[in-house]
């Protein structure tokens, strides 16, 4: 296996490990536990699940794989702080969205060719990519993996 393919496999394994850990943990929490704040005055668990689902749902657009499936989540979980939007999806619906988003990403990622991961992502210009080719699709995956791990650490405080 060539080095680029090995790097992609490592990154995809790390991503899937974090997704699997988060999915397992989220599914172990009750709906009531998810409505609690991580710490007094901080985000609720349900908000973090919606936030992560929304960030991950945007990945196909950033990676040039198509449109997001749940654009209605962005204003609730990316543009507004927790508890400022009156109506958010119910926890069971967010769990279903979480599953659908990650099933899609797993399928999309498996179909991506190695060299595509090293190409420019859609959130930057050709000129910016020329200046810094390390800001590629793989870097998006790595950044989202770290982001997920960070928020999973926060969610663990709900137990």
N, C-alpha and C. Protein backbone atom coordinates (compact mmCIF):
# COMPACT_ATOMS: atom_id res chain seq x y z
N UNK A 1 0.85 -1.18 0.00
CA UNK A 1 0.00 0.00 0.00
C UNK A 1 0.90 1.24 0.00
N UNK A 2 0.61 2.16 -0.87
CA UNK A 2 1.44 3.37 -0.96
C UNK A 2 1.21 4.27 0.27
N UNK A 3 2.17 5.15 0.52
CA UNK A 3 2.14 5.98 1.73
C UNK A 3 0.89 6.84 1.83
N UNK A 4 0.45 7.44 0.74
CA UNK A 4 -0.76 8.27 0.79
C UNK A 4 -1.97 7.45 1.21
N UNK A 5 -2.08 6.26 0.68
CA UNK A 5 -3.21 5.39 1.03
C UNK A 5 -3.15 4.99 2.50
N UNK A 6 -1.95 4.76 3.00
CA UNK A 6 -1.79 4.43 4.42
C UNK A 6 -2.24 5.61 5.29
N UNK A 7 -1.82 6.82 4.91
CA UNK A 7 -2.23 8.01 5.66
C UNK A 7 -3.75 8.17 5.68
N UNK A 8 -4.38 7.95 4.55
CA UNK A 8 -5.84 8.07 4.47
C UNK A 8 -6.48 7.01 5.34
N UNK A 9 -5.98 5.80 5.30
CA UNK A 9 -6.53 4.72 6.13
C UNK A 9 -6.41 5.06 7.61
N UNK A 10 -5.28 5.58 8.01
CA UNK A 10 -5.07 5.97 9.41
C UNK A 10 -6.09 7.05 9.81
N UNK A 11 -6.24 8.06 8.96
CA UNK A 11 -7.16 9.16 9.26
C UNK A 11 -8.61 8.67 9.31
N UNK A 12 -8.99 7.83 8.36
CA UNK A 12 -10.36 7.31 8.35
C UNK A 12 -10.63 6.40 9.54
N UNK A 13 -9.62 5.62 9.93
CA UNK A 13 -9.78 4.78 11.12
C UNK A 13 -9.95 5.63 12.38
N UNK A 14 -9.18 6.71 12.49
CA UNK A 14 -9.31 7.61 13.65
C UNK A 14 -10.69 8.25 13.66
N UNK A 15 -11.14 8.73 12.50
CA UNK A 15 -12.48 9.33 12.38
C UNK A 15 -13.55 8.32 12.83
N UNK A 16 -13.50 7.12 12.26
CA UNK A 16 -14.54 6.14 12.55
C UNK A 16 -14.50 5.71 14.01
N UNK A 17 -13.32 5.63 14.59
CA UNK A 17 -13.21 5.30 16.01
C UNK A 17 -13.93 6.35 16.86
N UNK A 18 -13.69 7.62 16.56
CA UNK A 18 -14.35 8.69 17.32
C UNK A 18 -15.86 8.69 17.09
N UNK A 19 -16.29 8.48 15.85
CA UNK A 19 -17.73 8.42 15.56
C UNK A 19 -18.36 7.26 16.32
N UNK A 20 -17.72 6.10 16.29
CA UNK A 20 -18.27 4.93 16.99
C UNK A 20 -18.33 5.15 18.50
N UNK A 21 -17.29 5.73 19.07
CA UNK A 21 -17.29 6.04 20.51
C UNK A 21 -18.40 7.02 20.86
N UNK A 22 -18.53 8.06 20.06
CA UNK A 22 -19.57 9.06 20.33
C UNK A 22 -20.95 8.45 20.18
N UNK A 23 -21.16 7.68 19.13
CA UNK A 23 -22.46 7.05 18.91
C UNK A 23 -22.82 6.15 20.07
N UNK A 24 -21.90 5.32 20.48
CA UNK A 24 -22.15 4.41 21.60
C UNK A 24 -22.49 5.20 22.87
N UNK A 25 -21.71 6.23 23.14
CA UNK A 25 -21.94 7.01 24.35
C UNK A 25 -23.27 7.75 24.29
N UNK A 26 -23.56 8.39 23.18
CA UNK A 26 -24.82 9.12 23.03
C UNK A 26 -26.01 8.18 23.19
N UNK A 27 -25.89 6.98 22.64
CA UNK A 27 -26.98 6.01 22.74
C UNK A 27 -27.14 5.44 24.14
N UNK A 28 -26.09 5.51 24.94
CA UNK A 28 -26.17 5.05 26.33
C UNK A 28 -26.85 6.08 27.23
N UNK A 29 -26.82 7.34 26.83
CA UNK A 29 -27.44 8.40 27.63
C UNK A 29 -28.94 8.41 27.41
N UNK A 30 -29.66 8.71 28.46
CA UNK A 30 -31.11 8.86 28.33
C UNK A 30 -31.41 10.23 27.73
N UNK A 31 -32.63 10.39 27.24
CA UNK A 31 -33.03 11.71 26.74
C UNK A 31 -32.93 12.73 27.86
N UNK A 32 -33.27 12.33 29.07
CA UNK A 32 -33.19 13.25 30.21
C UNK A 32 -31.74 13.67 30.48
N UNK A 33 -30.81 12.73 30.43
CA UNK A 33 -29.41 13.06 30.65
C UNK A 33 -28.92 14.06 29.61
N UNK A 34 -29.36 13.88 28.36
CA UNK A 34 -28.92 14.77 27.29
C UNK A 34 -29.49 16.18 27.43
N UNK A 35 -30.55 16.35 28.19
CA UNK A 35 -31.10 17.71 28.38
C UNK A 35 -30.36 18.47 29.47
N UNK A 36 -29.48 17.82 30.17
CA UNK A 36 -28.73 18.48 31.24
C UNK A 36 -27.57 19.29 30.66
N UNK A 37 -27.17 20.32 31.42
CA UNK A 37 -26.00 21.12 31.04
C UNK A 37 -24.72 20.36 31.35
N UNK A 38 -23.72 20.53 30.52
CA UNK A 38 -22.42 19.89 30.73
C UNK A 38 -21.84 20.36 32.07
N UNK A 39 -21.99 21.63 32.33
CA UNK A 39 -21.59 22.26 33.59
C UNK A 39 -22.56 23.42 33.78
N UNK A 40 -22.71 23.91 35.00
CA UNK A 40 -23.67 25.00 35.23
C UNK A 40 -23.44 26.19 34.28
N UNK A 41 -24.51 26.56 33.57
CA UNK A 41 -24.44 27.70 32.65
C UNK A 41 -23.81 27.38 31.30
N UNK A 42 -23.52 26.11 31.05
CA UNK A 42 -22.86 25.72 29.80
C UNK A 42 -23.86 25.00 28.88
N UNK A 43 -23.37 24.56 27.73
CA UNK A 43 -24.22 23.87 26.75
C UNK A 43 -24.83 22.60 27.33
N UNK A 44 -26.02 22.28 26.83
CA UNK A 44 -26.66 21.01 27.17
C UNK A 44 -26.12 19.93 26.23
N UNK A 45 -26.24 18.69 26.68
CA UNK A 45 -25.81 17.57 25.86
C UNK A 45 -26.52 17.54 24.52
N UNK A 46 -27.82 17.79 24.52
CA UNK A 46 -28.60 17.76 23.28
C UNK A 46 -28.09 18.80 22.30
N UNK A 47 -27.66 19.94 22.80
CA UNK A 47 -27.12 20.97 21.92
C UNK A 47 -25.82 20.48 21.27
N UNK A 48 -24.96 19.83 22.06
CA UNK A 48 -23.69 19.34 21.50
C UNK A 48 -23.93 18.26 20.46
N UNK A 49 -24.91 17.39 20.68
CA UNK A 49 -25.24 16.37 19.68
C UNK A 49 -25.71 17.05 18.39
N UNK A 50 -26.59 18.03 18.52
CA UNK A 50 -27.06 18.77 17.34
C UNK A 50 -25.94 19.52 16.66
N UNK A 51 -25.07 20.12 17.46
CA UNK A 51 -23.93 20.86 16.92
C UNK A 51 -23.02 19.93 16.10
N UNK A 52 -22.66 18.80 16.67
CA UNK A 52 -21.80 17.86 15.96
C UNK A 52 -22.48 17.30 14.71
N UNK A 53 -23.76 16.97 14.83
CA UNK A 53 -24.49 16.46 13.67
C UNK A 53 -24.51 17.49 12.55
N UNK A 54 -24.70 18.76 12.91
CA UNK A 54 -24.74 19.82 11.91
C UNK A 54 -23.37 20.04 11.26
N UNK A 55 -22.33 20.05 12.06
CA UNK A 55 -20.97 20.20 11.52
C UNK A 55 -20.64 19.04 10.58
N UNK A 56 -21.00 17.83 10.98
CA UNK A 56 -20.69 16.67 10.16
C UNK A 56 -21.57 16.62 8.91
N UNK A 57 -22.80 17.09 9.04
CA UNK A 57 -23.70 17.15 7.88
C UNK A 57 -23.18 18.11 6.81
N UNK A 58 -22.40 19.10 7.22
CA UNK A 58 -21.83 20.06 6.27
C UNK A 58 -20.60 19.52 5.55
N UNK A 59 -20.04 18.43 6.03
CA UNK A 59 -18.81 17.91 5.44
C UNK A 59 -18.95 17.54 3.96
N UNK A 60 -20.05 16.93 3.51
CA UNK A 60 -20.13 16.65 2.08
C UNK A 60 -19.99 17.89 1.20
N UNK A 61 -20.54 19.01 1.64
CA UNK A 61 -20.40 20.25 0.86
C UNK A 61 -18.95 20.71 0.84
N UNK A 62 -18.30 20.69 1.98
CA UNK A 62 -16.91 21.13 2.07
C UNK A 62 -15.99 20.22 1.25
N UNK A 63 -16.32 18.92 1.24
CA UNK A 63 -15.48 17.96 0.53
C UNK A 63 -15.88 17.77 -0.93
N UNK A 64 -16.89 18.50 -1.38
CA UNK A 64 -17.32 18.41 -2.77
C UNK A 64 -18.09 17.15 -3.09
N UNK A 65 -18.83 16.63 -2.12
CA UNK A 65 -19.55 15.37 -2.29
C UNK A 65 -21.06 15.56 -2.42
N UNK A 66 -21.51 16.77 -2.38
CA UNK A 66 -22.95 17.01 -2.47
C UNK A 66 -23.45 17.93 -1.38
N UNK A 67 -24.74 18.11 -1.36
CA UNK A 67 -25.37 19.03 -0.41
C UNK A 67 -25.58 18.37 0.94
N UNK A 68 -25.66 19.19 1.96
CA UNK A 68 -25.99 18.68 3.28
C UNK A 68 -27.45 18.21 3.29
N UNK A 69 -27.76 17.27 4.13
CA UNK A 69 -29.11 16.72 4.21
C UNK A 69 -30.00 17.48 5.19
N UNK A 70 -29.41 18.16 6.15
CA UNK A 70 -30.17 18.82 7.21
C UNK A 70 -29.74 20.28 7.37
N UNK A 71 -29.93 21.11 6.36
CA UNK A 71 -29.49 22.51 6.45
C UNK A 71 -30.22 23.28 7.55
N UNK A 72 -31.38 22.82 7.95
CA UNK A 72 -32.14 23.50 9.00
C UNK A 72 -31.44 23.45 10.36
N UNK A 73 -30.47 22.57 10.52
CA UNK A 73 -29.73 22.48 11.78
C UNK A 73 -28.74 23.63 11.96
N UNK A 74 -28.25 24.17 10.87
CA UNK A 74 -27.20 25.20 10.95
C UNK A 74 -27.61 26.39 11.81
N UNK A 75 -28.78 27.01 11.58
CA UNK A 75 -29.11 28.17 12.42
C UNK A 75 -29.27 27.82 13.90
N UNK A 76 -29.71 26.59 14.17
CA UNK A 76 -29.96 26.18 15.56
C UNK A 76 -28.69 25.83 16.32
N UNK A 77 -27.74 25.18 15.61
CA UNK A 77 -26.60 24.58 16.31
C UNK A 77 -25.24 25.13 15.90
N UNK A 78 -25.20 25.97 14.87
CA UNK A 78 -23.92 26.56 14.46
C UNK A 78 -23.94 28.08 14.54
N UNK A 79 -25.10 28.67 14.35
CA UNK A 79 -25.17 30.12 14.32
C UNK A 79 -25.71 30.72 15.61
N UNK A 80 -26.32 29.90 16.45
CA UNK A 80 -26.92 30.39 17.69
C UNK A 80 -26.40 29.61 18.89
N UNK A 81 -26.17 30.29 19.98
CA UNK A 81 -25.76 29.58 21.20
C UNK A 81 -26.92 28.74 21.75
N UNK A 82 -26.57 27.79 22.58
CA UNK A 82 -27.57 26.95 23.22
C UNK A 82 -28.57 27.80 24.00
N UNK A 83 -29.80 27.34 24.01
CA UNK A 83 -30.91 27.93 24.77
C UNK A 83 -31.38 29.26 24.20
N UNK A 84 -30.93 29.65 23.01
CA UNK A 84 -31.41 30.89 22.41
C UNK A 84 -32.44 30.62 21.31
N UNK A 85 -32.51 29.37 20.86
CA UNK A 85 -33.52 28.96 19.88
C UNK A 85 -34.58 28.19 20.65
N UNK A 86 -35.81 28.65 20.52
CA UNK A 86 -36.89 28.07 21.32
C UNK A 86 -37.18 26.62 20.95
N UNK A 87 -37.24 26.33 19.65
CA UNK A 87 -37.64 24.99 19.21
C UNK A 87 -36.49 24.32 18.46
N UNK A 88 -35.98 23.25 19.04
CA UNK A 88 -34.97 22.43 18.37
C UNK A 88 -35.56 21.02 18.21
N UNK A 89 -34.98 20.21 17.34
CA UNK A 89 -35.51 18.85 17.19
C UNK A 89 -35.48 18.08 18.51
N UNK A 90 -36.45 17.21 18.68
CA UNK A 90 -36.50 16.37 19.87
C UNK A 90 -35.28 15.43 19.88
N UNK A 91 -34.89 15.00 21.05
CA UNK A 91 -33.72 14.15 21.19
C UNK A 91 -33.80 12.88 20.33
N UNK A 92 -34.94 12.18 20.28
CA UNK A 92 -34.99 11.00 19.40
C UNK A 92 -34.75 11.36 17.93
N UNK A 93 -35.24 12.50 17.49
CA UNK A 93 -35.00 12.93 16.11
C UNK A 93 -33.52 13.24 15.88
N UNK A 94 -32.88 13.88 16.86
CA UNK A 94 -31.45 14.17 16.73
C UNK A 94 -30.64 12.88 16.68
N UNK A 95 -31.05 11.87 17.42
CA UNK A 95 -30.36 10.57 17.36
C UNK A 95 -30.48 9.97 15.96
N UNK A 96 -31.66 10.07 15.35
CA UNK A 96 -31.87 9.56 13.99
C UNK A 96 -31.02 10.34 12.98
N UNK A 97 -30.98 11.66 13.14
CA UNK A 97 -30.17 12.49 12.26
C UNK A 97 -28.70 12.11 12.40
N UNK A 98 -28.24 11.95 13.64
CA UNK A 98 -26.85 11.55 13.91
C UNK A 98 -26.51 10.28 13.11
N UNK A 99 -27.37 9.29 13.22
CA UNK A 99 -27.14 8.02 12.54
C UNK A 99 -27.11 8.20 11.03
N UNK A 100 -28.08 8.91 10.49
CA UNK A 100 -28.15 9.11 9.04
C UNK A 100 -26.93 9.86 8.51
N UNK A 101 -26.51 10.90 9.20
CA UNK A 101 -25.35 11.68 8.77
C UNK A 101 -24.11 10.80 8.72
N UNK A 102 -23.90 10.00 9.75
CA UNK A 102 -22.68 9.20 9.82
C UNK A 102 -22.71 7.99 8.89
N UNK A 103 -23.88 7.44 8.63
CA UNK A 103 -23.98 6.38 7.62
C UNK A 103 -23.63 6.93 6.24
N UNK A 104 -24.12 8.13 5.94
CA UNK A 104 -23.80 8.74 4.65
C UNK A 104 -22.30 9.00 4.53
N UNK A 105 -21.73 9.60 5.57
CA UNK A 105 -20.30 9.92 5.50
C UNK A 105 -19.45 8.67 5.34
N UNK A 106 -19.80 7.61 6.04
CA UNK A 106 -19.02 6.37 5.94
C UNK A 106 -19.03 5.86 4.50
N UNK A 107 -20.19 5.91 3.86
CA UNK A 107 -20.31 5.45 2.47
C UNK A 107 -19.54 6.39 1.53
N UNK A 108 -19.70 7.70 1.73
CA UNK A 108 -19.02 8.68 0.87
C UNK A 108 -17.50 8.56 1.00
N UNK A 109 -17.01 8.45 2.23
CA UNK A 109 -15.57 8.37 2.45
C UNK A 109 -14.99 7.11 1.82
N UNK A 110 -15.70 5.99 1.91
CA UNK A 110 -15.21 4.73 1.34
C UNK A 110 -15.07 4.82 -0.18
N UNK A 111 -15.88 5.66 -0.80
CA UNK A 111 -15.85 5.79 -2.26
C UNK A 111 -14.81 6.79 -2.76
N UNK A 112 -14.23 7.59 -1.87
CA UNK A 112 -13.27 8.60 -2.28
C UNK A 112 -11.92 7.97 -2.63
N UNK A 113 -11.36 8.38 -3.74
CA UNK A 113 -10.05 7.92 -4.16
C UNK A 113 -8.97 8.63 -3.33
N UNK A 114 -7.84 7.97 -3.18
CA UNK A 114 -6.75 8.49 -2.35
C UNK A 114 -6.37 9.92 -2.71
N UNK A 115 -6.11 10.19 -3.97
CA UNK A 115 -5.63 11.51 -4.36
C UNK A 115 -6.65 12.62 -4.11
N UNK A 116 -7.91 12.27 -4.08
CA UNK A 116 -8.95 13.28 -3.84
C UNK A 116 -8.79 13.90 -2.46
N UNK A 117 -8.34 13.10 -1.49
CA UNK A 117 -8.16 13.61 -0.12
C UNK A 117 -7.11 14.72 -0.05
N UNK A 118 -6.21 14.76 -1.02
CA UNK A 118 -5.13 15.76 -1.01
C UNK A 118 -5.45 16.97 -1.88
N UNK A 119 -6.68 17.03 -2.37
CA UNK A 119 -7.12 18.15 -3.21
C UNK A 119 -7.71 19.26 -2.34
N UNK A 120 -7.90 20.40 -2.97
CA UNK A 120 -8.49 21.58 -2.31
C UNK A 120 -9.92 21.26 -1.87
N UNK A 121 -10.26 21.71 -0.65
CA UNK A 121 -11.65 21.61 -0.23
C UNK A 121 -12.42 22.82 -0.71
N UNK A 122 -13.73 22.76 -0.63
CA UNK A 122 -14.60 23.77 -1.25
C UNK A 122 -14.69 25.08 -0.46
N UNK A 123 -14.12 25.15 0.72
CA UNK A 123 -14.19 26.38 1.52
C UNK A 123 -12.99 27.28 1.31
N UNK A 124 -12.20 26.99 0.31
CA UNK A 124 -11.04 27.84 0.04
C UNK A 124 -10.86 28.04 -1.46
N UNK A 125 -10.10 29.05 -1.80
CA UNK A 125 -9.87 29.37 -3.21
C UNK A 125 -8.67 28.59 -3.74
N UNK A 126 -8.57 28.53 -5.05
CA UNK A 126 -7.40 27.91 -5.69
C UNK A 126 -6.12 28.63 -5.27
N UNK A 127 -6.20 29.96 -5.18
CA UNK A 127 -5.02 30.75 -4.80
C UNK A 127 -4.57 30.40 -3.38
N UNK A 128 -5.53 30.30 -2.45
CA UNK A 128 -5.16 29.94 -1.08
C UNK A 128 -4.59 28.53 -1.01
N UNK A 129 -5.16 27.62 -1.78
CA UNK A 129 -4.67 26.24 -1.78
C UNK A 129 -3.25 26.18 -2.35
N UNK A 130 -2.99 26.98 -3.36
CA UNK A 130 -1.65 27.01 -3.93
C UNK A 130 -0.63 27.46 -2.88
N UNK A 131 -1.02 28.42 -2.05
CA UNK A 131 -0.13 28.92 -0.99
C UNK A 131 0.07 27.88 0.11
N UNK A 132 -0.98 27.09 0.39
CA UNK A 132 -0.91 26.13 1.49
C UNK A 132 -1.67 24.85 1.14
N UNK A 133 -1.03 23.94 0.40
CA UNK A 133 -1.69 22.71 -0.01
C UNK A 133 -2.00 21.75 1.14
N UNK A 134 -1.47 22.05 2.32
CA UNK A 134 -1.80 21.22 3.49
C UNK A 134 -3.23 21.46 3.96
N UNK A 135 -3.83 22.55 3.50
CA UNK A 135 -5.24 22.82 3.82
C UNK A 135 -6.09 22.11 2.76
N UNK A 136 -6.15 20.81 2.86
CA UNK A 136 -6.84 20.00 1.86
C UNK A 136 -8.01 19.26 2.50
N UNK A 137 -8.62 18.36 1.75
CA UNK A 137 -9.77 17.61 2.25
C UNK A 137 -9.39 16.74 3.44
N UNK A 138 -8.20 16.18 3.40
CA UNK A 138 -7.73 15.38 4.53
C UNK A 138 -7.64 16.22 5.80
N UNK A 139 -7.19 17.46 5.66
CA UNK A 139 -7.09 18.33 6.84
C UNK A 139 -8.47 18.63 7.43
N UNK A 140 -9.49 18.69 6.58
CA UNK A 140 -10.86 18.87 7.08
C UNK A 140 -11.25 17.66 7.93
N UNK A 141 -10.99 16.47 7.42
CA UNK A 141 -11.32 15.25 8.16
C UNK A 141 -10.59 15.21 9.51
N UNK A 142 -9.31 15.54 9.49
CA UNK A 142 -8.53 15.52 10.73
C UNK A 142 -9.05 16.56 11.73
N UNK A 143 -9.38 17.74 11.23
CA UNK A 143 -9.93 18.77 12.10
C UNK A 143 -11.27 18.37 12.70
N UNK A 144 -12.13 17.77 11.90
CA UNK A 144 -13.44 17.33 12.40
C UNK A 144 -13.30 16.17 13.38
N UNK A 145 -12.29 15.34 13.18
CA UNK A 145 -12.04 14.24 14.12
C UNK A 145 -11.65 14.80 15.49
N UNK A 146 -10.77 15.78 15.50
CA UNK A 146 -10.36 16.42 16.76
C UNK A 146 -11.53 17.14 17.42
N UNK A 147 -12.33 17.82 16.62
CA UNK A 147 -13.50 18.54 17.12
C UNK A 147 -14.47 17.57 17.79
N UNK A 148 -14.70 16.43 17.15
CA UNK A 148 -15.59 15.42 17.71
C UNK A 148 -15.03 14.89 19.03
N UNK A 149 -13.75 14.59 19.07
CA UNK A 149 -13.13 14.07 20.30
C UNK A 149 -13.26 15.09 21.44
N UNK A 150 -13.07 16.36 21.12
CA UNK A 150 -13.20 17.42 22.13
C UNK A 150 -14.60 17.43 22.74
N UNK A 151 -15.61 17.45 21.87
CA UNK A 151 -16.98 17.51 22.38
C UNK A 151 -17.42 16.20 23.03
N UNK A 152 -16.88 15.08 22.60
CA UNK A 152 -17.17 13.82 23.28
C UNK A 152 -16.65 13.87 24.71
N UNK A 153 -15.50 14.46 24.90
CA UNK A 153 -14.97 14.66 26.26
C UNK A 153 -15.94 15.48 27.11
N UNK A 154 -16.52 16.52 26.53
CA UNK A 154 -17.50 17.32 27.25
C UNK A 154 -18.74 16.49 27.58
N UNK A 155 -19.23 15.74 26.59
CA UNK A 155 -20.43 14.93 26.80
C UNK A 155 -20.24 13.91 27.93
N UNK A 156 -19.03 13.43 28.08
CA UNK A 156 -18.77 12.43 29.13
C UNK A 156 -19.04 13.00 30.53
N UNK A 157 -19.02 14.31 30.66
CA UNK A 157 -19.33 14.93 31.95
C UNK A 157 -20.79 14.77 32.35
N UNK A 158 -21.63 14.34 31.43
CA UNK A 158 -23.04 14.12 31.74
C UNK A 158 -23.28 12.87 32.57
N UNK A 159 -22.33 11.98 32.60
CA UNK A 159 -22.48 10.72 33.37
C UNK A 159 -22.15 10.93 34.83
